[in-house]
C-alpha cells in the first residue's frame, strides 16, 4: 500500500490498476494479495477460536459470515468492527470469485478496511484468548 503514497492514495492506485506497466500492476497485485492473506487469517482464527469456545462444531462447514456474526454475538467483536469485517468479507469474495467485475475502488476499500481492522481484530482476539475463549461477554 505504501507504494501508492503515505495515505494509500486512491488516484495513484486507480492509475496503477488501469495500467499495462508490469511494475505498476505488480504493486496492485501485492495489495490485492495482502488483502486476501490477512482476510484468510481473520477467517481461520475466527473458526478455530469458535471451535475452542465450543460455539462452532469442529466438523462444521467453513462459513466466515456466520463466524463473524458469532464473534459479535459472544462479545469478542463490537458491532462496528463486526460490520467492517463483514464488508471486508464481501469485498474479498468479489475479488476472488468475481474479479473481472472488481473495480480499483473496491480493491482500495478492501485494503483500507483490512489495514484499519486487522490489528484491532487481533487485539480483541488476543484478549479473548486471555479469557480462555470464554463465550461470555467480559465485564466492562
Protein backbone atom coordinates (compact mmCIF):
# COMPACT_ATOMS: atom_id res chain seq x y z
CA UNK A 1 0.00 0.00 0.00
CA UNK A 2 2.90 2.33 0.71
CA UNK A 3 3.79 2.24 -2.99
CA UNK A 4 0.72 4.42 -3.54
CA UNK A 5 1.68 7.19 -1.16
CA UNK A 6 1.71 7.69 2.58
CA UNK A 7 -2.10 7.69 2.76
CA UNK A 8 -2.62 4.96 0.10
CA UNK A 9 -3.82 7.46 -2.46
CA UNK A 10 -6.87 6.25 -4.39
CA UNK A 11 -5.99 8.23 -7.52
CA UNK A 12 -2.49 6.73 -7.66
CA UNK A 13 -3.99 3.27 -7.11
CA UNK A 14 -6.55 3.81 -9.91
CA UNK A 15 -3.78 4.77 -12.35
CA UNK A 16 -1.75 1.66 -11.49
CA UNK A 17 -4.86 -0.56 -11.58
CA UNK A 18 -5.63 0.58 -15.14
CA UNK A 19 -2.00 0.48 -16.25
CA UNK A 20 -0.35 -2.03 -18.51
CA UNK A 21 3.01 -1.39 -16.87
CA UNK A 22 4.12 -4.66 -15.22
CA UNK A 23 5.73 -2.86 -12.27
CA UNK A 24 2.57 -0.88 -11.50
CA UNK A 25 0.40 -3.97 -11.94
CA UNK A 26 2.66 -5.95 -9.62
CA UNK A 27 2.20 -3.27 -6.94
CA UNK A 28 -1.59 -3.55 -7.36
CA UNK A 29 -1.41 -7.34 -7.15
CA UNK A 30 0.69 -7.11 -3.98
CA UNK A 31 -2.02 -5.02 -2.31
CA UNK A 32 -4.73 -7.42 -3.52
CA UNK A 33 -2.83 -10.48 -2.29
CA UNK A 34 -2.22 -8.84 1.06
CA UNK A 35 -5.96 -8.30 1.47
CA UNK A 36 -6.62 -11.95 0.69
CA UNK A 37 -3.98 -13.27 3.06
CA UNK A 38 -4.96 -11.08 6.00
CA UNK A 39 -8.66 -11.78 5.49
CA UNK A 40 -7.92 -15.52 5.43
CA UNK A 41 -6.04 -15.20 8.75
CA UNK A 42 -9.06 -13.46 10.26
CA UNK A 43 -11.45 -16.14 8.98
CA UNK A 44 -9.22 -19.00 10.15
CA UNK A 45 -8.67 -17.50 13.59
CA UNK A 46 -12.40 -16.93 13.96
CA UNK A 47 -13.19 -20.54 13.05
CA UNK A 48 -10.51 -22.02 15.33
CA UNK A 49 -11.44 -19.82 18.27
CA UNK A 50 -15.13 -20.59 17.94
CA UNK A 51 -14.28 -24.30 17.92
CA UNK A 52 -12.22 -23.91 21.10
CA UNK A 53 -15.08 -21.95 22.68
CA UNK A 54 -17.41 -24.77 21.62
CA UNK A 55 -19.61 -22.29 19.78
CA UNK A 56 -18.82 -23.95 16.45
CA UNK A 57 -18.61 -27.70 15.79
CA UNK A 58 -15.19 -28.87 14.67
CA UNK A 59 -16.69 -30.55 11.61
CA UNK A 60 -18.92 -27.59 10.64
CA UNK A 61 -18.52 -26.21 7.14
CA UNK A 62 -16.46 -23.05 6.92
CA UNK A 63 -18.72 -20.02 6.94
CA UNK A 64 -16.99 -16.72 7.65
CA UNK A 65 -20.24 -14.76 7.67
CA UNK A 66 -21.63 -16.96 10.45
CA UNK A 67 -18.34 -16.97 12.34
CA UNK A 68 -18.05 -13.17 12.32
CA UNK A 69 -21.66 -12.91 13.46
CA UNK A 70 -20.93 -15.39 16.27
CA UNK A 71 -17.86 -13.42 17.37
CA UNK A 72 -20.10 -10.37 17.62
CA UNK A 73 -22.85 -12.29 19.44
CA UNK A 74 -20.50 -13.60 22.13
CA UNK A 75 -18.83 -10.23 22.64
CA UNK A 76 -15.44 -10.75 21.03
CA UNK A 77 -16.17 -8.07 18.43
CA UNK A 78 -18.11 -4.87 18.78
CA UNK A 79 -20.90 -4.03 16.36
CA UNK A 80 -18.88 -1.59 14.24
CA UNK A 81 -15.83 -3.87 13.93
CA UNK A 82 -18.09 -6.80 13.01
CA UNK A 83 -19.81 -4.64 10.37
CA UNK A 84 -16.49 -3.57 8.85
CA UNK A 85 -15.16 -7.14 8.81
CA UNK A 86 -18.37 -8.29 7.13
CA UNK A 87 -17.79 -5.61 4.49
CA UNK A 88 -14.24 -6.91 4.07
CA UNK A 89 -15.64 -10.43 3.64
CA UNK A 90 -17.96 -9.20 0.89
CA UNK A 91 -15.17 -7.34 -0.89
CA UNK A 92 -12.78 -10.26 -0.64
CA UNK A 93 -15.44 -12.59 -2.11
CA UNK A 94 -15.82 -10.19 -5.02
CA UNK A 95 -12.06 -10.02 -5.58
CA UNK A 96 -11.64 -13.78 -5.53
CA UNK A 97 -14.79 -15.00 -7.24
CA UNK A 98 -15.84 -12.12 -9.48
CA UNK A 99 -12.50 -10.49 -10.19
CA UNK A 100 -13.37 -9.39 -13.71
CA UNK A 101 -16.04 -7.06 -12.33
CA UNK A 102 -13.98 -5.69 -9.43
CA UNK A 103 -13.03 -2.04 -9.55
CA UNK A 104 -9.95 -0.22 -8.33
CA UNK A 105 -12.17 1.47 -5.74
CA UNK A 106 -13.32 -1.88 -4.34
CA UNK A 107 -9.78 -3.24 -4.10
CA UNK A 108 -8.68 0.02 -2.49
CA UNK A 109 -11.56 -0.13 0.01
CA UNK A 110 -10.74 -3.73 0.91
CA UNK A 111 -7.10 -2.84 1.52
CA UNK A 112 -8.09 0.13 3.69
CA UNK A 113 -10.51 -1.97 5.75
CA UNK A 114 -8.02 -4.76 6.36
CA UNK A 115 -5.27 -2.26 7.21
CA UNK A 116 -7.56 -0.49 9.68
CA UNK A 117 -9.15 -3.59 11.22
CA UNK A 118 -6.52 -6.34 11.33
CA UNK A 119 -4.63 -5.17 14.41
CA UNK A 120 -7.78 -4.27 16.40
CA UNK A 121 -9.22 -7.69 15.45
CA UNK A 122 -6.03 -9.37 16.62
CA UNK A 123 -6.07 -7.40 19.88
CA UNK A 124 -9.69 -8.41 20.55
CA UNK A 125 -8.85 -12.00 19.68
CA UNK A 126 -5.82 -11.99 21.96
CA UNK A 127 -7.97 -10.67 24.81
CA UNK A 128 -10.43 -13.49 24.10
CA UNK A 129 -7.57 -16.00 24.35
CA UNK A 130 -6.71 -14.40 27.70
CA UNK A 131 -10.27 -15.14 28.85
CA UNK A 132 -9.79 -18.77 27.86
CA UNK A 133 -12.01 -18.40 24.78
CA UNK A 134 -14.92 -17.73 27.06
CA UNK A 135 -18.18 -17.39 25.19
CA UNK A 136 -19.33 -14.95 27.86
CA UNK A 137 -19.03 -11.22 27.43
CA UNK A 138 -16.33 -9.85 29.75
CA UNK A 139 -17.27 -7.43 32.50
CA UNK A 140 -16.98 -3.91 31.14
